[in-house]
Amino acid sequence: MKRKHRKTLELIFHRPVSGSIKWDEIEAMLVALGADVSEREGSRVAVVLFDEVRVFHRPNPMPETDKGAVSSIRKWLESHGVTP
């Protein structure tokens, strides 16, 4: 994993939850972990990782991911042993 992706992972695990992480950075980090990302209806994005499918809402018009989605991603990664 590149340093940029590690930085994003650290931001995801930072407390308090950050509301300023750009979705593109999260998506790139998930792909670096081996995820397959595909478009769904509307702003939805399906992420296949750890043999699981998770659907997230791509933020718009602002590029920042909301705190709820960041928390959800953190819990998902944590449950599979991924930590910074």
PDB file of N, CA and C in Angstrom:
ATOM      1  N   MET A   1       0.850  -1.174   0.000  1.00  0.00           N
ATOM      2  CA  MET A   1       0.000   0.000   0.000  1.00  0.00           C
ATOM      3  C   MET A   1       0.899   1.241   0.000  1.00  0.00           C
ATOM      4  N   LYS A   2       0.548   2.188  -0.830  1.00  0.00           N
ATOM      5  CA  LYS A   2       1.328   3.420  -0.924  1.00  0.00           C
ATOM      6  C   LYS A   2       1.116   4.287   0.323  1.00  0.00           C
ATOM      7  N   ARG A   3       2.031   5.210   0.527  1.00  0.00           N
ATOM      8  CA  ARG A   3       1.953   6.096   1.682  1.00  0.00           C
ATOM      9  C   ARG A   3       0.658   6.913   1.674  1.00  0.00           C
ATOM     10  N   LYS A   4       0.216   7.321   0.508  1.00  0.00           N
ATOM     11  CA  LYS A   4      -1.026   8.094   0.383  1.00  0.00           C
ATOM     12  C   LYS A   4      -2.215   7.292   0.914  1.00  0.00           C
ATOM     13  N   HIS A   5      -2.241   5.984   0.598  1.00  0.00           N
ATOM     14  CA  HIS A   5      -3.333   5.131   1.056  1.00  0.00           C
ATOM     15  C   HIS A   5      -3.246   4.896   2.566  1.00  0.00           C
ATOM     16  N   ARG A   6      -2.022   4.771   3.074  1.00  0.00           N
ATOM     17  CA  ARG A   6      -1.844   4.614   4.530  1.00  0.00           C
ATOM     18  C   ARG A   6      -2.343   5.856   5.272  1.00  0.00           C
ATOM     19  N   LYS A   7      -2.088   7.012   4.698  1.00  0.00           N
ATOM     20  CA  LYS A   7      -2.548   8.268   5.302  1.00  0.00           C
ATOM     21  C   LYS A   7      -4.077   8.297   5.361  1.00  0.00           C
ATOM     22  N   THR A   8      -4.719   7.859   4.285  1.00  0.00           N
ATOM     23  CA  THR A   8      -6.183   7.799   4.252  1.00  0.00           C
ATOM     24  C   THR A   8      -6.687   6.819   5.307  1.00  0.00           C
ATOM     25  N   LEU A   9      -6.035   5.679   5.439  1.00  0.00           N
ATOM     26  CA  LEU A   9      -6.424   4.692   6.443  1.00  0.00           C
ATOM     27  C   LEU A   9      -6.290   5.282   7.849  1.00  0.00           C
ATOM     28  N   GLU A  10      -5.224   6.021   8.091  1.00  0.00           N
ATOM     29  CA  GLU A  10      -5.043   6.677   9.386  1.00  0.00           C
ATOM     30  C   GLU A  10      -6.149   7.691   9.643  1.00  0.00           C
ATOM     31  N   LEU A  11      -6.546   8.432   8.624  1.00  0.00           N
ATOM     32  CA  LEU A  11      -7.638   9.394   8.777  1.00  0.00           C
ATOM     33  C   LEU A  11      -8.958   8.698   9.103  1.00  0.00           C
ATOM     34  N   ILE A  12      -9.190   7.543   8.498  1.00  0.00           N
ATOM     35  CA  ILE A  12     -10.416   6.791   8.757  1.00  0.00           C
ATOM     36  C   ILE A  12     -10.463   6.337  10.216  1.00  0.00           C
ATOM     37  N   PHE A  13      -9.316   5.953  10.775  1.00  0.00           N
ATOM     38  CA  PHE A  13      -9.270   5.456  12.141  1.00  0.00           C
ATOM     39  C   PHE A  13      -9.055   6.558  13.173  1.00  0.00           C
ATOM     40  N   HIS A  14      -8.873   7.780  12.746  1.00  0.00           N
ATOM     41  CA  HIS A  14      -8.650   8.900  13.675  1.00  0.00           C
ATOM     42  C   HIS A  14      -9.909   9.187  14.476  1.00  0.00           C
ATOM     43  N   ARG A  15      -9.729   9.517  15.739  1.00  0.00           N
ATOM     44  CA  ARG A  15     -10.848   9.925  16.603  1.00  0.00           C
ATOM     45  C   ARG A  15     -10.657  11.386  16.940  1.00  0.00           C
ATOM     46  N   PRO A  16     -11.645  12.225  16.931  1.00  0.00           N
ATOM     47  CA  PRO A  16     -13.017  11.977  16.509  1.00  0.00           C
ATOM     48  C   PRO A  16     -13.098  11.742  14.998  1.00  0.00           C
ATOM     49  N   VAL A  17     -14.202  11.185  14.573  1.00  0.00           N
ATOM     50  CA  VAL A  17     -14.407  10.853  13.160  1.00  0.00           C
ATOM     51  C   VAL A  17     -14.287  12.110  12.310  1.00  0.00           C
ATOM     52  N   SER A  18     -13.518  11.992  11.251  1.00  0.00           N
ATOM     53  CA  SER A  18     -13.312  13.128  10.353  1.00  0.00           C
ATOM     54  C   SER A  18     -14.413  13.197   9.300  1.00  0.00           C
ATOM     55  N   GLY A  19     -14.875  14.393   9.045  1.00  0.00           N
ATOM     56  CA  GLY A  19     -15.862  14.612   7.994  1.00  0.00           C
ATOM     57  C   GLY A  19     -15.246  15.278   6.780  1.00  0.00           C
ATOM     58  N   SER A  20     -13.919  15.216   6.674  1.00  0.00           N
ATOM     59  CA  SER A  20     -13.254  15.914   5.573  1.00  0.00           C
ATOM     60  C   SER A  20     -12.415  14.984   4.695  1.00  0.00           C
ATOM     61  N   ILE A  21     -12.697  13.692   4.733  1.00  0.00           N
ATOM     62  CA  ILE A  21     -11.969  12.747   3.888  1.00  0.00           C
ATOM     63  C   ILE A  21     -12.686  12.657   2.543  1.00  0.00           C
ATOM     64  N   LYS A  22     -11.963  12.849   1.483  1.00  0.00           N
ATOM     65  CA  LYS A  22     -12.567  12.809   0.146  1.00  0.00           C
ATOM     66  C   LYS A  22     -12.876  11.368  -0.246  1.00  0.00           C
ATOM     67  N   TRP A  23     -14.051  11.173  -0.843  1.00  0.00           N
ATOM     68  CA  TRP A  23     -14.465   9.834  -1.239  1.00  0.00           C
ATOM     69  C   TRP A  23     -13.477   9.196  -2.199  1.00  0.00           C
ATOM     70  N   ASP A  24     -12.927   9.976  -3.132  1.00  0.00           N
ATOM     71  CA  ASP A  24     -11.969   9.433  -4.103  1.00  0.00           C
ATOM     72  C   ASP A  24     -10.759   8.812  -3.408  1.00  0.00           C
ATOM     73  N   GLU A  25     -10.326   9.422  -2.301  1.00  0.00           N
ATOM     74  CA  GLU A  25      -9.183   8.907  -1.549  1.00  0.00           C
ATOM     75  C   GLU A  25      -9.546   7.594  -0.850  1.00  0.00           C
ATOM     76  N   ILE A  26     -10.759   7.522  -0.302  1.00  0.00           N
ATOM     77  CA  ILE A  26     -11.219   6.287   0.340  1.00  0.00           C
ATOM     78  C   ILE A  26     -11.338   5.178  -0.702  1.00  0.00           C
ATOM     79  N   GLU A  27     -11.920   5.504  -1.834  1.00  0.00           N
ATOM     80  CA  GLU A  27     -12.089   4.518  -2.898  1.00  0.00           C
ATOM     81  C   GLU A  27     -10.737   3.996  -3.387  1.00  0.00           C
ATOM     82  N   ALA A  28      -9.771   4.873  -3.557  1.00  0.00           N
ATOM     83  CA  ALA A  28      -8.436   4.469  -4.000  1.00  0.00           C
ATOM     84  C   ALA A  28      -7.770   3.566  -2.962  1.00  0.00           C
ATOM     85  N   MET A  29      -7.963   3.860  -1.672  1.00  0.00           N
ATOM     86  CA  MET A  29      -7.391   3.040  -0.616  1.00  0.00           C
ATOM     87  C   MET A  29      -8.030   1.647  -0.609  1.00  0.00           C
ATOM     88  N   LEU A  30      -9.361   1.585  -0.788  1.00  0.00           N
ATOM     89  CA  LEU A  30     -10.046   0.300  -0.828  1.00  0.00           C
ATOM     90  C   LEU A  30      -9.568  -0.541  -2.008  1.00  0.00           C
ATOM     91  N   VAL A  31      -9.354   0.092  -3.161  1.00  0.00           N
ATOM     92  CA  VAL A  31      -8.837  -0.615  -4.339  1.00  0.00           C
ATOM     93  C   VAL A  31      -7.425  -1.130  -4.048  1.00  0.00           C
ATOM     94  N   ALA A  32      -6.612  -0.341  -3.341  1.00  0.00           N
ATOM     95  CA  ALA A  32      -5.263  -0.774  -2.982  1.00  0.00           C
ATOM     96  C   ALA A  32      -5.300  -1.988  -2.050  1.00  0.00           C
ATOM     97  N   LEU A  33      -6.374  -2.116  -1.272  1.00  0.00           N
ATOM     98  CA  LEU A  33      -6.544  -3.281  -0.393  1.00  0.00           C
ATOM     99  C   LEU A  33      -7.064  -4.501  -1.161  1.00  0.00           C
ATOM    100  N   GLY A  34      -7.434  -4.306  -2.424  1.00  0.00           N
ATOM    101  CA  GLY A  34      -7.902  -5.410  -3.253  1.00  0.00           C
ATOM    102  C   GLY A  34      -9.383  -5.382  -3.555  1.00  0.00           C
ATOM    103  N   ALA A  35     -10.043  -4.274  -3.279  1.00  0.00           N
ATOM    104  CA  ALA A  35     -11.489  -4.172  -3.507  1.00  0.00           C
ATOM    105  C   ALA A  35     -11.808  -4.007  -4.985  1.00  0.00           C
ATOM    106  N   ASP A  36     -12.992  -4.482  -5.339  1.00  0.00           N
ATOM    107  CA  ASP A  36     -13.545  -4.261  -6.667  1.00  0.00           C
ATOM    108  C   ASP A  36     -14.685  -3.266  -6.478  1.00  0.00           C
ATOM    109  N   VAL A  37     -14.604  -2.119  -7.118  1.00  0.00           N
ATOM    110  CA  VAL A  37     -15.596  -1.056  -6.969  1.00  0.00           C
ATOM    111  C   VAL A  37     -16.403  -0.941  -8.253  1.00  0.00           C
ATOM    112  N   SER A  38     -17.739  -0.935  -8.117  1.00  0.00           N
ATOM    113  CA  SER A  38     -18.590  -0.801  -9.293  1.00  0.00           C
ATOM    114  C   SER A  38     -19.736   0.169  -9.022  1.00  0.00           C
ATOM    115  N   GLU A  39     -20.177   0.805 -10.083  1.00  0.00           N
ATOM    116  CA  GLU A  39     -21.258   1.780  -9.991  1.00  0.00           C
ATOM    117  C   GLU A  39     -22.594   1.071  -9.841  1.00  0.00           C
ATOM    118  N   ARG A  40     -23.471   1.663  -9.055  1.00  0.00           N
ATOM    119  CA  ARG A  40     -24.845   1.182  -8.926  1.00  0.00           C
ATOM    120  C   ARG A  40     -25.767   2.321  -9.326  1.00  0.00           C
ATOM    121  N   GLU A  41     -27.037   2.193  -9.027  1.00  0.00           N
ATOM    122  CA  GLU A  41     -27.993   3.246  -9.388  1.00  0.00           C
ATOM    123  C   GLU A  41     -27.695   4.534  -8.639  1.00  0.00           C
ATOM    124  N   GLY A  42     -27.941   5.638  -9.314  1.00  0.00           N
ATOM    125  CA  GLY A  42     -27.752   6.941  -8.690  1.00  0.00           C
ATOM    126  C   GLY A  42     -26.309   7.162  -8.277  1.00  0.00           C
ATOM    127  N   SER A  43     -26.117   7.548  -7.027  1.00  0.00           N
ATOM    128  CA  SER A  43     -24.780   7.826  -6.511  1.00  0.00           C
ATOM    129  C   SER A  43     -24.219   6.654  -5.728  1.00  0.00           C
ATOM    130  N   ARG A  44     -24.831   5.509  -5.838  1.00  0.00           N
ATOM    131  CA  ARG A  44     -24.392   4.356  -5.057  1.00  0.00           C
ATOM    132  C   ARG A  44     -23.189   3.673  -5.708  1.00  0.00           C
ATOM    133  N   VAL A  45     -22.337   3.146  -4.826  1.00  0.00           N
ATOM    134  CA  VAL A  45     -21.139   2.443  -5.258  1.00  0.00           C
ATOM    135  C   VAL A  45     -21.072   1.130  -4.491  1.00  0.00           C
ATOM    136  N   ALA A  46     -20.900   0.022  -5.192  1.00  0.00           N
ATOM    137  CA  ALA A  46     -20.743  -1.283  -4.550  1.00  0.00           C
ATOM    138  C   ALA A  46     -19.255  -1.577  -4.406  1.00  0.00           C
ATOM    139  N   VAL A  47     -18.859  -1.965  -3.191  1.00  0.00           N
ATOM    140  CA  VAL A  47     -17.471  -2.301  -2.913  1.00  0.00           C
ATOM    141  C   VAL A  47     -17.430  -3.774  -2.499  1.00  0.00           C
ATOM    142  N   VAL A  48     -16.693  -4.573  -3.260  1.00  0.00           N
ATOM    143  CA  VAL A  48     -16.545  -5.992  -2.948  1.00  0.00           C
ATOM    144  C   VAL A  48     -15.143  -6.189  -2.376  1.00  0.00           C
ATOM    145  N   LEU A  49     -15.095  -6.576  -1.104  1.00  0.00           N
ATOM    146  CA  LEU A  49     -13.831  -6.790  -0.405  1.00  0.00           C
ATOM    147  C   LEU A  49     -14.093  -7.791   0.709  1.00  0.00           C
ATOM    148  N   PHE A  50     -13.147  -8.672   0.987  1.00  0.00           N
ATOM    149  CA  PHE A  50     -13.294  -9.709   2.018  1.00  0.00           C
ATOM    150  C   PHE A  50     -14.474 -10.631   1.690  1.00  0.00           C
ATOM    151  N   ASP A  51     -14.750 -10.862   0.417  1.00  0.00           N
ATOM    152  CA  ASP A  51     -15.882 -11.688  -0.033  1.00  0.00           C
ATOM    153  C   ASP A  51     -17.220 -11.150   0.473  1.00  0.00           C
ATOM    154  N   GLU A  52     -17.303  -9.855   0.669  1.00  0.00           N
ATOM    155  CA  GLU A  52     -18.531  -9.179   1.082  1.00  0.00           C
ATOM    156  C   GLU A  52     -18.794  -8.014   0.135  1.00  0.00           C
ATOM    157  N   VAL A  53     -20.069  -7.691  -0.013  1.00  0.00           N
ATOM    158  CA  VAL A  53     -20.448  -6.531  -0.824  1.00  0.00           C
ATOM    159  C   VAL A  53     -21.025  -5.486   0.114  1.00  0.00           C
ATOM    160  N   ARG A  54     -20.478  -4.293   0.069  1.00  0.00           N
ATOM    161  CA  ARG A  54     -21.000  -3.164   0.827  1.00  0.00           C
ATOM    162  C   ARG A  54     -21.352  -2.073  -0.167  1.00  0.00           C
ATOM    163  N   VAL A  55     -22.501  -1.445   0.052  1.00  0.00           N
ATOM    164  CA  VAL A  55     -22.935  -0.378  -0.846  1.00  0.00           C
ATOM    165  C   VAL A  55     -22.846   0.944  -0.094  1.00  0.00           C
ATOM    166  N   PHE A  56     -22.168   1.901  -0.699  1.00  0.00           N
ATOM    167  CA  PHE A  56     -21.999   3.229  -0.112  1.00  0.00           C
ATOM    168  C   PHE A  56     -22.559   4.267  -1.065  1.00  0.00           C
ATOM    169  N   HIS A  57     -22.882   5.404  -0.504  1.00  0.00           N
ATOM    170  CA  HIS A  57     -23.398   6.521  -1.290  1.00  0.00           C
ATOM    171  C   HIS A  57     -22.249   7.468  -1.565  1.00  0.00           C
ATOM    172  N   ARG A  58     -21.941   7.659  -2.842  1.00  0.00           N
ATOM    173  CA  ARG A  58     -20.884   8.606  -3.215  1.00  0.00           C
ATOM    174  C   ARG A  58     -21.405  10.017  -2.940  1.00  0.00           C
ATOM    175  N   PRO A  59     -20.660  10.789  -2.148  1.00  0.00           N
ATOM    176  CA  PRO A  59     -21.145  12.130  -1.809  1.00  0.00           C
ATOM    177  C   PRO A  59     -21.168  13.057  -3.021  1.00  0.00           C
ATOM    178  N   ASN A  60     -22.193  13.898  -3.056  1.00  0.00           N
ATOM    179  CA  ASN A  60     -22.265  14.926  -4.094  1.00  0.00           C
ATOM    180  C   ASN A  60     -23.137  16.053  -3.587  1.00  0.00           C
ATOM    181  N   PRO A  61     -22.940  17.274  -3.888  1.00  0.00           N
ATOM    182  CA  PRO A  61     -21.921  17.802  -4.794  1.00  0.00           C
ATOM    183  C   PRO A  61     -20.561  17.972  -4.128  1.00  0.00           C
ATOM    184  N   MET A  62     -20.505  17.857  -2.799  1.00  0.00           N
ATOM    185  CA  MET A  62     -19.229  17.995  -2.100  1.00  0.00           C
ATOM    186  C   MET A  62     -18.467  16.672  -2.178  1.00  0.00           C
ATOM    187  N   PRO A  63     -17.134  16.715  -2.278  1.00  0.00           N
ATOM    188  CA  PRO A  63     -16.366  15.472  -2.395  1.00  0.00           C
ATOM    189  C   PRO A  63     -16.106  14.757  -1.065  1.00  0.00           C
ATOM    190  N   GLU A  64     -16.420  15.414   0.071  1.00  0.00           N
ATOM    191  CA  GLU A  64     -16.114  14.836   1.370  1.00  0.00           C
ATOM    192  C   GLU A  64     -17.141  13.779   1.778  1.00  0.00           C
ATOM    193  N   THR A  65     -16.651  12.716   2.386  1.00  0.00           N
ATOM    194  CA  THR A  65     -17.488  11.615   2.850  1.00  0.00           C
ATOM    195  C   THR A  65     -18.052  11.974   4.216  1.00  0.00           C
ATOM    196  N   ASP A  66     -19.338  11.675   4.444  1.00  0.00           N
ATOM    197  CA  ASP A  66     -19.929  12.025   5.734  1.00  0.00           C
ATOM    198  C   ASP A  66     -19.388  11.121   6.841  1.00  0.00           C
ATOM    199  N   LYS A  67     -19.527  11.580   8.076  1.00  0.00           N
ATOM    200  CA  LYS A  67     -18.959  10.886   9.223  1.00  0.00           C
ATOM    201  C   LYS A  67     -19.551   9.494   9.421  1.00  0.00           C
ATOM    202  N   GLY A  68     -20.823   9.330   9.111  1.00  0.00           N
ATOM    203  CA  GLY A  68     -21.461   8.024   9.252  1.00  0.00           C
ATOM    204  C   GLY A  68     -20.836   6.983   8.339  1.00  0.00           C
ATOM    205  N   ALA A  69     -20.565   7.363   7.102  1.00  0.00           N
ATOM    206  CA  ALA A  69     -19.940   6.441   6.155  1.00  0.00           C
ATOM    207  C   ALA A  69     -18.514   6.115   6.577  1.00  0.00           C
ATOM    208  N   VAL A  70     -17.790   7.108   7.088  1.00  0.00           N
ATOM    209  CA  VAL A  70     -16.416   6.884   7.553  1.00  0.00           C
ATOM    210  C   VAL A  70     -16.431   5.887   8.715  1.00  0.00           C
ATOM    211  N   SER A  71     -17.367   6.056   9.646  1.00  0.00           N
ATOM    212  CA  SER A  71     -17.481   5.123  10.777  1.00  0.00           C
ATOM    213  C   SER A  71     -17.813   3.717  10.305  1.00  0.00           C
ATOM    214  N   SER A  72     -18.698   3.615   9.332  1.00  0.00           N
ATOM    215  CA  SER A  72     -19.082   2.320   8.791  1.00  0.00           C
ATOM    216  C   SER A  72     -17.895   1.629   8.132  1.00  0.00           C
ATOM    217  N   ILE A  73     -17.134   2.368   7.364  1.00  0.00           N
ATOM    218  CA  ILE A  73     -15.949   1.817   6.699  1.00  0.00           C
ATOM    219  C   ILE A  73     -14.930   1.383   7.743  1.00  0.00           C
ATOM    220  N   ARG A  74     -14.744   2.183   8.795  1.00  0.00           N
ATOM    221  CA  ARG A  74     -13.793   1.840   9.859  1.00  0.00           C
ATOM    222  C   ARG A  74     -14.184   0.528  10.530  1.00  0.00           C
ATOM    223  N   LYS A  75     -15.458   0.388  10.886  1.00  0.00           N
ATOM    224  CA  LYS A  75     -15.928  -0.838  11.544  1.00  0.00           C
ATOM    225  C   LYS A  75     -15.742  -2.046  10.635  1.00  0.00           C
ATOM    226  N   TRP A  76     -16.031  -1.870   9.348  1.00  0.00           N
ATOM    227  CA  TRP A  76     -15.886  -2.954   8.385  1.00  0.00           C
ATOM    228  C   TRP A  76     -14.422  -3.389   8.284  1.00  0.00           C
ATOM    229  N   LEU A  77     -13.520  -2.427   8.145  1.00  0.00           N
ATOM    230  CA  LEU A  77     -12.100  -2.747   8.040  1.00  0.00           C
ATOM    231  C   LEU A  77     -11.592  -3.373   9.331  1.00  0.00           C
ATOM    232  N   GLU A  78     -12.003  -2.823  10.464  1.00  0.00           N
ATOM    233  CA  GLU A  78     -11.580  -3.311  11.769  1.00  0.00           C
ATOM    234  C   GLU A  78     -12.017  -4.769  11.978  1.00  0.00           C
ATOM    235  N   SER A  79     -13.215  -5.091  11.553  1.00  0.00           N
ATOM    236  CA  SER A  79     -13.737  -6.450  11.731  1.00  0.00           C
ATOM    237  C   SER A  79     -12.953  -7.481  10.937  1.00  0.00           C
ATOM    238  N   HIS A  80     -12.171  -7.020   9.958  1.00  0.00           N
ATOM    239  CA  HIS A  80     -11.355  -7.918   9.147  1.00  0.00           C
ATOM    240  C   HIS A  80      -9.862  -7.736   9.420  1.00  0.00           C
ATOM    241  N   GLY A  81      -9.537  -7.088  10.525  1.00  0.00           N
ATOM    242  CA  GLY A  81      -8.148  -6.967  10.950  1.00  0.00           C
ATOM    243  C   GLY A  81      -7.323  -5.918  10.239  1.00  0.00           C
ATOM    244  N   VAL A  82      -7.963  -5.019   9.521  1.00  0.00           N
ATOM    245  CA  VAL A  82      -7.228  -3.958   8.828  1.00  0.00           C
ATOM    246  C   VAL A  82      -7.176  -2.745   9.754  1.00  0.00           C
ATOM    247  N   THR A  83      -5.971  -2.372  10.152  1.00  0.00           N
ATOM    248  CA  THR A  83      -5.766  -1.200  10.998  1.00  0.00           C
ATOM    249  C   THR A  83      -4.557  -0.431  10.473  1.00  0.00           C
ATOM    250  N   PRO A  84      -4.457   0.840  10.849  1.00  0.00           N
ATOM    251  CA  PRO A  84      -3.298   1.613  10.362  1.00  0.00           C
ATOM    252  C   PRO A  84      -1.975   1.152  10.960  1.00  0.00           C
TER     253      PRO A  84
END
